[in-house]
Amino acid sequence: MKHFLTIAATAALTAGAIGAPALAEYPEKPVNFIVPWPPGDLEDVLTRMIAEDFQKEYGVAAAVVNKPGGGGGPFPGAIDVATAPADGYTIGSFVIGVPLIGHEIGIDELTPAKFDPLGIFLTYPFVLATSGDAPFKTIEEMAEHAKSNDLALGHFGAPLTPTKVSLAYAKTAGFEWGSEAAFDALDCNTLASGDADVINTTLQLVLPCLDSITVLATMTDERISLTPDAPTMAEVNPELGISLWNGLFVTKDTPQDVREKIIAVAKKTVMSERAQKLAAETGAGVYWQDADTSAGRIETDTGKLATVNGLIE
């Protein structure tokens, strides 16, 4: 009887296994890449390349969803990623400020830290720029001018690193900005209209008017080839030497096999001919920095940002 029961139980288990639906292999449905800025800048263009290649590789729809933060930072988009299921179907394409400070400024949905990097793929050619007819041509001349004249600074949001660096520079150079305001877009029109005297933006957004503006300094590791006369902020003041980057992030419980599938496509995309052509045309750094190296970079930049914050306070 025992032998009969054992055979019957085994048969039942086998039948159940055969009849049970197999777990779906990722990805089986549309994937969204969340870019917390308006369309058009470098992180948006490169993320769209990654999404296109993801769709071709895995045969599912992949879209970039732009979720601008209204000048207050990229956090509405980050919250979308943080509150989505940890299944790889909602991927964040984030600037440095999201993983460094998002969980430290009272945003409940981002606290404690929610994100792990899959990899960093872009160093922005971030610049401090002014109109070509401004009464100063260097960052030092701007600082002297600002000691007796009000200058309006345009930026992408007070919590963000480029803004903090610009504010810290004012402190170290002995002046105060006459005013500062956040914009969803900072481009040639911002300077031409007089909405801001000096702007923090990426070089790509002002390339159409590069001949009629002055790039005062760059927030990059090295000078940008397209603006070789503009010093890095680290050259101006070593304490301000922090570059701006963008990477892909998922929530911490996302399975490793899912992460690896996203990484495989993204790495191939950013090293492709079309992505490297974009880098050459815009002065951006486009590369792939793996998850562990990216995590180490985030830790280092956290210390650098603490120094910048200390200068502002």
C-alpha atoms as a PDB file:
ATOM      1  CA  MET A   1       0.000   0.000   0.000  1.00  0.00           C
ATOM      2  CA  LYS A   2       2.831   2.413   0.879  1.00  0.00           C
ATOM      3  CA  HIS A   3       4.402   1.701  -2.494  1.00  0.00           C
ATOM      4  CA  PHE A   4       1.112   2.440  -4.258  1.00  0.00           C
ATOM      5  CA  LEU A   5       0.656   5.724  -2.365  1.00  0.00           C
ATOM      6  CA  THR A   6       4.195   6.820  -3.213  1.00  0.00           C
ATOM      7  CA  ILE A   7       3.650   6.146  -6.893  1.00  0.00           C
ATOM      8  CA  ALA A   8       0.324   7.985  -6.821  1.00  0.00           C
ATOM      9  CA  ALA A   9       1.817  11.009  -5.059  1.00  0.00           C
ATOM     10  CA  THR A  10       4.712  11.159  -7.506  1.00  0.00           C
ATOM     11  CA  ALA A  11       2.340  10.976 -10.436  1.00  0.00           C
ATOM     12  CA  ALA A  12       0.219  13.760  -8.995  1.00  0.00           C
ATOM     13  CA  LEU A  13       3.229  16.020  -8.468  1.00  0.00           C
ATOM     14  CA  THR A  14       4.462  15.328 -11.972  1.00  0.00           C
ATOM     15  CA  ALA A  15       1.086  16.083 -13.469  1.00  0.00           C
ATOM     16  CA  GLY A  16       0.885  19.285 -11.435  1.00  0.00           C
ATOM     17  CA  ALA A  17       4.303  20.378 -12.625  1.00  0.00           C
ATOM     18  CA  ILE A  18       3.388  19.688 -16.227  1.00  0.00           C
ATOM     19  CA  GLY A  19       0.094  21.521 -15.888  1.00  0.00           C
ATOM     20  CA  ALA A  20       1.481  24.536 -13.956  1.00  0.00           C
ATOM     21  CA  PRO A  21       2.136  27.647 -16.001  1.00  0.00           C
ATOM     22  CA  ALA A  22       5.833  28.461 -16.412  1.00  0.00           C
ATOM     23  CA  LEU A  23       7.069  31.682 -14.887  1.00  0.00           C
ATOM     24  CA  ALA A  24       7.317  34.350 -17.577  1.00  0.00           C
ATOM     25  CA  GLU A  25      10.811  35.326 -18.569  1.00  0.00           C
ATOM     26  CA  TYR A  26      11.673  39.024 -18.330  1.00  0.00           C
ATOM     27  CA  PRO A  27      10.688  41.053 -20.247  1.00  0.00           C
ATOM     28  CA  GLU A  28       7.184  39.973 -21.233  1.00  0.00           C
ATOM     29  CA  LYS A  29       5.430  43.361 -21.310  1.00  0.00           C
ATOM     30  CA  PRO A  30       6.245  47.014 -22.076  1.00  0.00           C
ATOM     31  CA  VAL A  31       9.138  48.633 -20.221  1.00  0.00           C
ATOM     32  CA  ASN A  32       9.323  52.313 -19.296  1.00  0.00           C
ATOM     33  CA  PHE A  33      12.519  54.312 -18.869  1.00  0.00           C
ATOM     34  CA  ILE A  34      11.728  57.348 -16.699  1.00  0.00           C
ATOM     35  CA  VAL A  35      13.646  60.523 -17.551  1.00  0.00           C
ATOM     36  CA  PRO A  36      12.790  63.253 -15.008  1.00  0.00           C
ATOM     37  CA  TRP A  37      13.448  66.114 -17.439  1.00  0.00           C
ATOM     38  CA  PRO A  38      11.797  67.480 -20.583  1.00  0.00           C
ATOM     39  CA  PRO A  39      12.739  65.841 -23.903  1.00  0.00           C
ATOM     40  CA  GLY A  40      15.813  66.901 -25.828  1.00  0.00           C
ATOM     41  CA  ASP A  41      18.827  66.901 -23.560  1.00  0.00           C
ATOM     42  CA  LEU A  42      21.599  64.327 -23.626  1.00  0.00           C
ATOM     43  CA  GLU A  43      20.209  61.931 -21.034  1.00  0.00           C
ATOM     44  CA  ASP A  44      16.932  61.890 -22.939  1.00  0.00           C
ATOM     45  CA  VAL A  45      18.581  61.238 -26.318  1.00  0.00           C
ATOM     46  CA  LEU A  46      20.815  58.457 -24.993  1.00  0.00           C
ATOM     47  CA  THR A  47      18.035  56.840 -22.979  1.00  0.00           C
ATOM     48  CA  ARG A  48      15.897  56.791 -26.110  1.00  0.00           C
ATOM     49  CA  MET A  49      18.720  54.971 -27.905  1.00  0.00           C
ATOM     50  CA  ILE A  50      18.817  52.423 -25.090  1.00  0.00           C
ATOM     51  CA  ALA A  51      15.022  51.993 -25.206  1.00  0.00           C
ATOM     52  CA  GLU A  52      15.095  51.470 -28.982  1.00  0.00           C
ATOM     53  CA  ASP A  53      17.789  48.802 -28.675  1.00  0.00           C
ATOM     54  CA  PHE A  54      15.981  47.166 -25.759  1.00  0.00           C
ATOM     55  CA  GLN A  55      12.863  46.847 -27.887  1.00  0.00           C
ATOM     56  CA  LYS A  56      14.834  45.343 -30.781  1.00  0.00           C
ATOM     57  CA  GLU A  57      16.702  42.915 -28.510  1.00  0.00           C
ATOM     58  CA  TYR A  58      13.768  41.573 -26.517  1.00  0.00           C
ATOM     59  CA  GLY A  59      10.764  42.166 -28.769  1.00  0.00           C
ATOM     60  CA  VAL A  60       8.674  44.151 -26.298  1.00  0.00           C
ATOM     61  CA  ALA A  61       7.695  47.796 -26.382  1.00  0.00           C
ATOM     62  CA  ALA A  62      10.140  50.098 -24.574  1.00  0.00           C
ATOM     63  CA  ALA A  63       9.383  53.782 -24.129  1.00  0.00           C
ATOM     64  CA  VAL A  64      10.975  56.841 -22.567  1.00  0.00           C
ATOM     65  CA  VAL A  65       8.580  58.694 -20.274  1.00  0.00           C
ATOM     66  CA  ASN A  66       9.557  62.281 -19.475  1.00  0.00           C
ATOM     67  CA  LYS A  67       8.495  63.432 -15.992  1.00  0.00           C
ATOM     68  CA  PRO A  68       9.836  66.995 -15.478  1.00  0.00           C
ATOM     69  CA  GLY A  69      10.105  68.257 -11.948  1.00  0.00           C
ATOM     70  CA  GLY A  70       8.799  71.773 -12.503  1.00  0.00           C
ATOM     71  CA  GLY A  71      12.115  73.343 -11.470  1.00  0.00           C
ATOM     72  CA  GLY A  72      12.045  71.761  -8.025  1.00  0.00           C
ATOM     73  CA  GLY A  73      14.243  68.845  -8.957  1.00  0.00           C
ATOM     74  CA  PRO A  74      13.849  65.526 -10.760  1.00  0.00           C
ATOM     75  CA  PHE A  75      11.874  63.897  -7.977  1.00  0.00           C
ATOM     76  CA  PRO A  76       8.405  63.266  -9.447  1.00  0.00           C
ATOM     77  CA  GLY A  77      10.065  60.915 -11.944  1.00  0.00           C
ATOM     78  CA  ALA A  78      12.179  59.350  -9.204  1.00  0.00           C
ATOM     79  CA  ILE A  79       9.089  58.757  -7.081  1.00  0.00           C
ATOM     80  CA  ASP A  80       7.470  56.917  -9.993  1.00  0.00           C
ATOM     81  CA  VAL A  81      10.409  54.529 -10.104  1.00  0.00           C
ATOM     82  CA  ALA A  82      10.616  54.162  -6.310  1.00  0.00           C
ATOM     83  CA  THR A  83       6.940  53.281  -5.961  1.00  0.00           C
ATOM     84  CA  ALA A  84       6.747  50.903  -8.944  1.00  0.00           C
ATOM     85  CA  PRO A  85       7.102  47.128  -8.459  1.00  0.00           C
ATOM     86  CA  ALA A  86      10.735  45.943  -8.276  1.00  0.00           C
ATOM     87  CA  ASP A  87      10.440  43.966 -11.485  1.00  0.00           C
ATOM     88  CA  GLY A  88      12.510  45.913 -14.018  1.00  0.00           C
ATOM     89  CA  TYR A  89       9.559  47.326 -15.932  1.00  0.00           C
ATOM     90  CA  THR A  90      10.148  50.853 -14.585  1.00  0.00           C
ATOM     91  CA  ILE A  91      13.763  51.978 -14.920  1.00  0.00           C
ATOM     92  CA  GLY A  92      15.127  55.347 -13.821  1.00  0.00           C
ATOM     93  CA  SER A  93      17.516  57.373 -15.955  1.00  0.00           C
ATOM     94  CA  PHE A  94      18.792  59.674 -13.221  1.00  0.00           C
ATOM     95  CA  VAL A  95      21.199  62.522 -12.688  1.00  0.00           C
ATOM     96  CA  ILE A  96      23.616  62.562  -9.783  1.00  0.00           C
ATOM     97  CA  GLY A  97      21.237  64.394  -7.453  1.00  0.00           C
ATOM     98  CA  VAL A  98      18.601  61.648  -7.288  1.00  0.00           C
ATOM     99  CA  PRO A  99      20.671  58.921  -5.590  1.00  0.00           C
ATOM    100  CA  LEU A 100      22.793  61.409  -3.642  1.00  0.00           C
ATOM    101  CA  ILE A 101      20.190  63.676  -2.082  1.00  0.00           C
ATOM    102  CA  GLY A 102      16.688  62.512  -2.980  1.00  0.00           C
ATOM    103  CA  HIS A 103      16.344  60.471   0.203  1.00  0.00           C
ATOM    104  CA  GLU A 104      17.861  63.184   2.405  1.00  0.00           C
ATOM    105  CA  ILE A 105      15.492  66.110   1.835  1.00  0.00           C
ATOM    106  CA  GLY A 106      12.265  64.868   3.347  1.00  0.00           C
ATOM    107  CA  ILE A 107      10.729  63.004   0.404  1.00  0.00           C
ATOM    108  CA  ASP A 108       8.978  60.087   2.074  1.00  0.00           C
ATOM    109  CA  GLU A 109       8.742  57.969  -1.083  1.00  0.00           C
ATOM    110  CA  LEU A 110      12.530  58.103  -1.520  1.00  0.00           C
ATOM    111  CA  THR A 111      13.415  57.449   2.122  1.00  0.00           C
ATOM    112  CA  PRO A 112      15.430  55.438   2.936  1.00  0.00           C
ATOM    113  CA  ALA A 113      17.570  55.269  -0.200  1.00  0.00           C
ATOM    114  CA  LYS A 114      15.608  53.270  -2.770  1.00  0.00           C
ATOM    115  CA  PHE A 115      17.885  52.876  -5.767  1.00  0.00           C
ATOM    116  CA  ASP A 116      20.811  50.764  -6.968  1.00  0.00           C
ATOM    117  CA  PRO A 117      22.849  51.786 -10.014  1.00  0.00           C
ATOM    118  CA  LEU A 118      22.940  49.514 -13.022  1.00  0.00           C
ATOM    119  CA  GLY A 119      25.632  51.724 -14.475  1.00  0.00           C
ATOM    120  CA  ILE A 120      26.620  55.319 -15.170  1.00  0.00           C
ATOM    121  CA  PHE A 121      26.762  56.139 -18.879  1.00  0.00           C
ATOM    122  CA  LEU A 122      27.050  59.909 -19.309  1.00  0.00           C
ATOM    123  CA  THR A 123      29.096  62.817 -18.018  1.00  0.00           C
ATOM    124  CA  TYR A 124      27.300  65.972 -19.030  1.00  0.00           C
ATOM    125  CA  PRO A 125      29.228  68.802 -20.659  1.00  0.00           C
ATOM    126  CA  PHE A 126      27.668  71.032 -17.994  1.00  0.00           C
ATOM    127  CA  VAL A 127      28.590  74.688 -18.263  1.00  0.00           C
ATOM    128  CA  LEU A 128      28.139  78.079 -16.687  1.00  0.00           C
ATOM    129  CA  ALA A 129      27.327  80.394 -19.600  1.00  0.00           C
ATOM    130  CA  THR A 130      26.363  83.982 -20.346  1.00  0.00           C
ATOM    131  CA  SER A 131      25.482  85.998 -23.426  1.00  0.00           C
ATOM    132  CA  GLY A 132      28.287  87.063 -25.711  1.00  0.00           C
ATOM    133  CA  ASP A 133      27.629  90.765 -25.085  1.00  0.00           C
ATOM    134  CA  ALA A 134      27.890  90.460 -21.287  1.00  0.00           C
ATOM    135  CA  PRO A 135      30.394  92.902 -19.719  1.00  0.00           C
ATOM    136  CA  PHE A 136      32.615  90.011 -18.618  1.00  0.00           C
ATOM    137  CA  LYS A 137      34.365  87.207 -20.490  1.00  0.00           C
ATOM    138  CA  THR A 138      35.763  85.001 -17.736  1.00  0.00           C
ATOM    139  CA  ILE A 139      34.357  83.574 -14.538  1.00  0.00           C
ATOM    140  CA  GLU A 140      36.704  85.745 -12.508  1.00  0.00           C
ATOM    141  CA  GLU A 141      35.527  88.866 -14.337  1.00  0.00           C
ATOM    142  CA  MET A 142      31.938  87.772 -13.725  1.00  0.00           C
ATOM    143  CA  ALA A 143      32.641  87.510  -9.982  1.00  0.00           C
ATOM    144  CA  GLU A 144      34.089  91.021  -9.891  1.00  0.00           C
ATOM    145  CA  HIS A 145      31.152  92.396 -11.892  1.00  0.00           C
ATOM    146  CA  ALA A 146      28.664  90.697  -9.571  1.00  0.00           C
ATOM    147  CA  LYS A 147      30.130  92.458  -6.528  1.00  0.00           C
ATOM    148  CA  SER A 148      28.576  95.716  -7.705  1.00  0.00           C
ATOM    149  CA  ASN A 149      25.860  94.538 -10.107  1.00  0.00           C
ATOM    150  CA  ASP A 150      22.916  92.178  -9.664  1.00  0.00           C
ATOM    151  CA  LEU A 151      23.196  89.059 -11.805  1.00  0.00           C
ATOM    152  CA  ALA A 152      20.302  86.641 -12.258  1.00  0.00           C
ATOM    153  CA  LEU A 153      21.240  82.950 -12.230  1.00  0.00           C
ATOM    154  CA  GLY A 154      19.087  80.417 -14.094  1.00  0.00           C
ATOM    155  CA  HIS A 155      19.299  76.782 -13.024  1.00  0.00           C
ATOM    156  CA  PHE A 156      17.432  73.474 -13.106  1.00  0.00           C
ATOM    157  CA  GLY A 157      16.471  73.444  -9.425  1.00  0.00           C
ATOM    158  CA  ALA A 158      17.877  74.454  -6.041  1.00  0.00           C
ATOM    159  CA  PRO A 159      18.546  70.879  -4.794  1.00  0.00           C
ATOM    160  CA  LEU A 160      20.633  69.963  -7.823  1.00  0.00           C
ATOM    161  CA  THR A 161      24.407  69.759  -7.904  1.00  0.00           C
ATOM    162  CA  PRO A 162      25.102  72.342 -10.667  1.00  0.00           C
ATOM    163  CA  THR A 163      23.054  74.895  -8.764  1.00  0.00           C
ATOM    164  CA  LYS A 164      24.845  74.137  -5.530  1.00  0.00           C
ATOM    165  CA  VAL A 165      28.234  74.482  -7.224  1.00  0.00           C
ATOM    166  CA  SER A 166      27.252  77.859  -8.680  1.00  0.00           C
ATOM    167  CA  LEU A 167      26.017  79.077  -5.300  1.00  0.00           C
ATOM    168  CA  ALA A 168      29.151  77.779  -3.592  1.00  0.00           C
ATOM    169  CA  TYR A 169      31.341  79.540  -6.138  1.00  0.00           C
ATOM    170  CA  ALA A 170      29.655  82.838  -5.294  1.00  0.00           C
ATOM    171  CA  LYS A 171      30.491  82.289  -1.615  1.00  0.00           C
ATOM    172  CA  THR A 172      34.138  81.478  -2.305  1.00  0.00           C
ATOM    173  CA  ALA A 173      34.497  84.363  -4.793  1.00  0.00           C
ATOM    174  CA  GLY A 174      32.977  86.945  -2.442  1.00  0.00           C
ATOM    175  CA  PHE A 175      29.707  87.884  -4.160  1.00  0.00           C
ATOM    176  CA  GLU A 176      26.014  87.065  -4.030  1.00  0.00           C
ATOM    177  CA  TRP A 177      23.721  86.348  -6.942  1.00  0.00           C
ATOM    178  CA  GLY A 178      21.213  89.166  -7.378  1.00  0.00           C
ATOM    179  CA  SER A 179      18.519  86.539  -7.937  1.00  0.00           C
ATOM    180  CA  GLU A 180      18.233  82.896  -8.882  1.00  0.00           C
ATOM    181  CA  ALA A 181      15.367  80.931 -10.396  1.00  0.00           C
ATOM    182  CA  ALA A 182      14.626  77.442 -11.659  1.00  0.00           C
ATOM    183  CA  PHE A 183      13.649  76.709 -15.268  1.00  0.00           C
ATOM    184  CA  ASP A 184      12.420  73.587 -17.015  1.00  0.00           C
ATOM    185  CA  ALA A 185      14.604  74.489 -19.994  1.00  0.00           C
ATOM    186  CA  LEU A 186      17.789  76.528 -20.152  1.00  0.00           C
ATOM    187  CA  ASP A 187      18.869  77.279 -23.689  1.00  0.00           C
ATOM    188  CA  CYS A 188      19.734  80.045 -26.123  1.00  0.00           C
ATOM    189  CA  ASN A 189      16.336  81.668 -25.648  1.00  0.00           C
ATOM    190  CA  THR A 190      16.855  81.969 -21.898  1.00  0.00           C
ATOM    191  CA  LEU A 191      19.896  84.184 -22.430  1.00  0.00           C
ATOM    192  CA  ALA A 192      18.543  86.027 -25.481  1.00  0.00           C
ATOM    193  CA  SER A 193      15.343  86.964 -23.662  1.00  0.00           C
ATOM    194  CA  GLY A 194      17.209  88.257 -20.623  1.00  0.00           C
ATOM    195  CA  ASP A 195      15.334  85.884 -18.326  1.00  0.00           C
ATOM    196  CA  ALA A 196      18.716  85.061 -16.768  1.00  0.00           C
ATOM    197  CA  ASP A 197      22.140  86.684 -17.016  1.00  0.00           C
ATOM    198  CA  VAL A 198      24.042  83.455 -16.331  1.00  0.00           C
ATOM    199  CA  ILE A 199      22.763  79.904 -16.721  1.00  0.00           C
ATOM    200  CA  ASN A 200      23.704  76.409 -15.600  1.00  0.00           C
ATOM    201  CA  THR A 201      22.978  74.138 -18.534  1.00  0.00           C
ATOM    202  CA  THR A 202      24.415  71.435 -20.718  1.00  0.00           C
ATOM    203  CA  LEU A 203      26.445  72.497 -23.713  1.00  0.00           C
ATOM    204  CA  GLN A 204      24.130  70.526 -25.980  1.00  0.00           C
ATOM    205  CA  LEU A 205      21.250  72.896 -25.200  1.00  0.00           C
ATOM    206  CA  VAL A 206      23.233  75.968 -26.259  1.00  0.00           C
ATOM    207  CA  LEU A 207      25.157  74.534 -29.207  1.00  0.00           C
ATOM    208  CA  PRO A 208      22.947  76.415 -31.708  1.00  0.00           C
ATOM    209  CA  CYS A 209      24.158  79.732 -30.297  1.00  0.00           C
ATOM    210  CA  LEU A 210      27.635  78.745 -29.162  1.00  0.00           C
ATOM    211  CA  ASP A 211      29.202  81.487 -31.306  1.00  0.00           C
ATOM    212  CA  SER A 212      27.114  84.181 -29.604  1.00  0.00           C
ATOM    213  CA  ILE A 213      27.517  83.164 -25.940  1.00  0.00           C
ATOM    214  CA  THR A 214      30.430  82.886 -23.545  1.00  0.00           C
ATOM    215  CA  VAL A 215      31.115  79.689 -21.643  1.00  0.00           C
ATOM    216  CA  LEU A 216      32.641  80.829 -18.364  1.00  0.00           C
ATOM    217  CA  ALA A 217      33.457  77.436 -16.839  1.00  0.00           C
ATOM    218  CA  THR A 218      32.565  73.762 -17.089  1.00  0.00           C
ATOM    219  CA  MET A 219      31.467  71.281 -14.427  1.00  0.00           C
ATOM    220  CA  THR A 220      33.382  68.389 -15.930  1.00  0.00           C
ATOM    221  CA  ASP A 221      36.431  66.291 -15.070  1.00  0.00           C
ATOM    222  CA  GLU A 222      38.356  67.740 -18.004  1.00  0.00           C
ATOM    223  CA  ARG A 223      37.960  70.731 -20.291  1.00  0.00           C
ATOM    224  CA  ILE A 224      35.425  70.228 -23.051  1.00  0.00           C
ATOM    225  CA  SER A 225      36.972  69.942 -26.504  1.00  0.00           C
ATOM    226  CA  LEU A 226      34.323  72.219 -28.028  1.00  0.00           C
ATOM    227  CA  THR A 227      35.096  74.997 -25.501  1.00  0.00           C
ATOM    228  CA  PRO A 228      38.813  74.521 -24.810  1.00  0.00           C
ATOM    229  CA  ASP A 229      39.337  77.987 -23.304  1.00  0.00           C
ATOM    230  CA  ALA A 230      36.752  77.474 -20.551  1.00  0.00           C
ATOM    231  CA  PRO A 231      38.317  76.123 -17.335  1.00  0.00           C
ATOM    232  CA  THR A 232      36.745  73.397 -15.250  1.00  0.00           C
ATOM    233  CA  MET A 233      35.325  74.446 -11.907  1.00  0.00           C
ATOM    234  CA  ALA A 234      38.010  72.271 -10.322  1.00  0.00           C
ATOM    235  CA  GLU A 235      40.611  74.521 -11.979  1.00  0.00           C
ATOM    236  CA  VAL A 236      38.839  77.603 -10.651  1.00  0.00           C
ATOM    237  CA  ASN A 237      38.472  76.139  -7.161  1.00  0.00           C
ATOM    238  CA  PRO A 238      39.457  72.521  -6.366  1.00  0.00           C
ATOM    239  CA  GLU A 239      36.750  72.310  -3.702  1.00  0.00           C
ATOM    240  CA  LEU A 240      34.138  72.636  -6.444  1.00  0.00           C
ATOM    241  CA  GLY A 241      35.474  69.800  -8.594  1.00  0.00           C
ATOM    242  CA  ILE A 242      32.423  67.590  -9.017  1.00  0.00           C
ATOM    243  CA  SER A 243      31.246  66.451 -12.438  1.00  0.00           C
ATOM    244  CA  LEU A 244      27.674  65.795 -13.487  1.00  0.00           C
ATOM    245  CA  TRP A 245      26.619  62.362 -14.645  1.00  0.00           C
ATOM    246  CA  ASN A 246      23.571  60.288 -15.516  1.00  0.00           C
ATOM    247  CA  GLY A 247      22.964  56.589 -14.981  1.00  0.00           C
ATOM    248  CA  LEU A 248      20.357  53.845 -15.050  1.00  0.00           C
ATOM    249  CA  PHE A 249      18.816  52.864 -11.708  1.00  0.00           C
ATOM    250  CA  VAL A 250      16.362  50.288 -10.408  1.00  0.00           C
ATOM    251  CA  THR A 251      14.864  49.747  -6.982  1.00  0.00           C
ATOM    252  CA  LYS A 252      16.886  47.672  -4.561  1.00  0.00           C
ATOM    253  CA  ASP A 253      14.750  44.497  -4.689  1.00  0.00           C
ATOM    254  CA  THR A 254      14.995  44.144  -8.472  1.00  0.00           C
ATOM    255  CA  PRO A 255      16.218  40.599  -9.351  1.00  0.00           C
ATOM    256  CA  GLN A 256      19.789  40.233 -10.561  1.00  0.00           C
ATOM    257  CA  ASP A 257      18.860  38.425 -13.783  1.00  0.00           C
ATOM    258  CA  VAL A 258      16.564  41.315 -14.684  1.00  0.00           C
ATOM    259  CA  ARG A 259      19.325  43.814 -13.984  1.00  0.00           C
ATOM    260  CA  GLU A 260      21.733  41.906 -16.200  1.00  0.00           C
ATOM    261  CA  LYS A 261      19.368  41.986 -19.166  1.00  0.00           C
ATOM    262  CA  ILE A 262      18.977  45.756 -18.904  1.00  0.00           C
ATOM    263  CA  ILE A 263      22.721  46.232 -18.477  1.00  0.00           C
ATOM    264  CA  ALA A 264      23.563  44.072 -21.496  1.00  0.00           C
ATOM    265  CA  VAL A 265      21.564  46.312 -23.831  1.00  0.00           C
ATOM    266  CA  ALA A 266      22.560  49.636 -22.255  1.00  0.00           C
ATOM    267  CA  LYS A 267      26.281  48.866 -22.335  1.00  0.00           C
ATOM    268  CA  LYS A 268      26.130  47.885 -25.995  1.00  0.00           C
ATOM    269  CA  THR A 269      24.108  50.988 -26.871  1.00  0.00           C
ATOM    270  CA  VAL A 270      26.337  53.600 -25.271  1.00  0.00           C
ATOM    271  CA  MET A 271      29.452  52.135 -26.853  1.00  0.00           C
ATOM    272  CA  SER A 272      27.801  52.059 -30.282  1.00  0.00           C
ATOM    273  CA  GLU A 273      28.935  54.227 -33.163  1.00  0.00           C
ATOM    274  CA  ARG A 274      25.865  56.453 -33.015  1.00  0.00           C
ATOM    275  CA  ALA A 275      26.243  57.109 -29.277  1.00  0.00           C
ATOM    276  CA  GLN A 276      29.948  57.885 -29.603  1.00  0.00           C
ATOM    277  CA  LYS A 277      29.178  60.212 -32.496  1.00  0.00           C
ATOM    278  CA  LEU A 278      26.812  62.105 -30.199  1.00  0.00           C
ATOM    279  CA  ALA A 279      29.622  62.373 -27.643  1.00  0.00           C
ATOM    280  CA  ALA A 280      31.988  63.866 -30.220  1.00  0.00           C
ATOM    281  CA  GLU A 281      29.383  66.350 -31.433  1.00  0.00           C
ATOM    282  CA  THR A 282      28.333  67.584 -27.994  1.00  0.00           C
ATOM    283  CA  GLY A 283      31.461  67.317 -25.851  1.00  0.00           C
ATOM    284  CA  ALA A 284      29.766  64.800 -23.557  1.00  0.00           C
ATOM    285  CA  GLY A 285      31.438  61.792 -22.019  1.00  0.00           C
ATOM    286  CA  VAL A 286      29.564  58.663 -23.127  1.00  0.00           C
ATOM    287  CA  TYR A 287      30.785  55.340 -21.698  1.00  0.00           C
ATOM    288  CA  TRP A 288      29.669  52.463 -19.485  1.00  0.00           C
ATOM    289  CA  GLN A 289      30.690  52.322 -15.816  1.00  0.00           C
ATOM    290  CA  ASP A 290      29.607  49.078 -14.185  1.00  0.00           C
ATOM    291  CA  ALA A 291      27.351  48.797 -11.140  1.00  0.00           C
ATOM    292  CA  ASP A 292      30.085  48.341  -8.526  1.00  0.00           C
ATOM    293  CA  THR A 293      32.241  51.168  -9.899  1.00  0.00           C
ATOM    294  CA  SER A 294      29.172  53.390 -10.122  1.00  0.00           C
ATOM    295  CA  ALA A 295      28.286  52.658  -6.497  1.00  0.00           C
ATOM    296  CA  GLY A 296      31.820  53.671  -5.492  1.00  0.00           C
ATOM    297  CA  ARG A 297      31.556  56.856  -7.501  1.00  0.00           C
ATOM    298  CA  ILE A 298      28.300  57.719  -5.780  1.00  0.00           C
ATOM    299  CA  GLU A 299      29.974  57.266  -2.401  1.00  0.00           C
ATOM    300  CA  THR A 300      32.876  59.536  -3.409  1.00  0.00           C
ATOM    301  CA  ASP A 301      30.576  62.179  -4.848  1.00  0.00           C
ATOM    302  CA  THR A 302      28.515  62.141  -1.667  1.00  0.00           C
ATOM    303  CA  GLY A 303      31.612  63.376   0.156  1.00  0.00           C
ATOM    304  CA  LYS A 304      32.292  66.015  -2.477  1.00  0.00           C
ATOM    305  CA  LEU A 305      28.719  67.232  -2.303  1.00  0.00           C
ATOM    306  CA  ALA A 306      28.978  67.506   1.474  1.00  0.00           C
ATOM    307  CA  THR A 307      31.899  69.866   0.956  1.00  0.00           C
ATOM    308  CA  VAL A 308      29.900  71.976  -1.504  1.00  0.00           C
ATOM    309  CA  ASN A 309      26.928  72.065   0.876  1.00  0.00           C
ATOM    310  CA  GLY A 310      29.245  73.182   3.650  1.00  0.00           C
ATOM    311  CA  LEU A 311      30.364  76.136   1.556  1.00  0.00           C
ATOM    312  CA  ILE A 312      26.770  77.209   0.949  1.00  0.00           C
ATOM    313  CA  GLU A 313      25.617  76.939   4.552  1.00  0.00           C
END
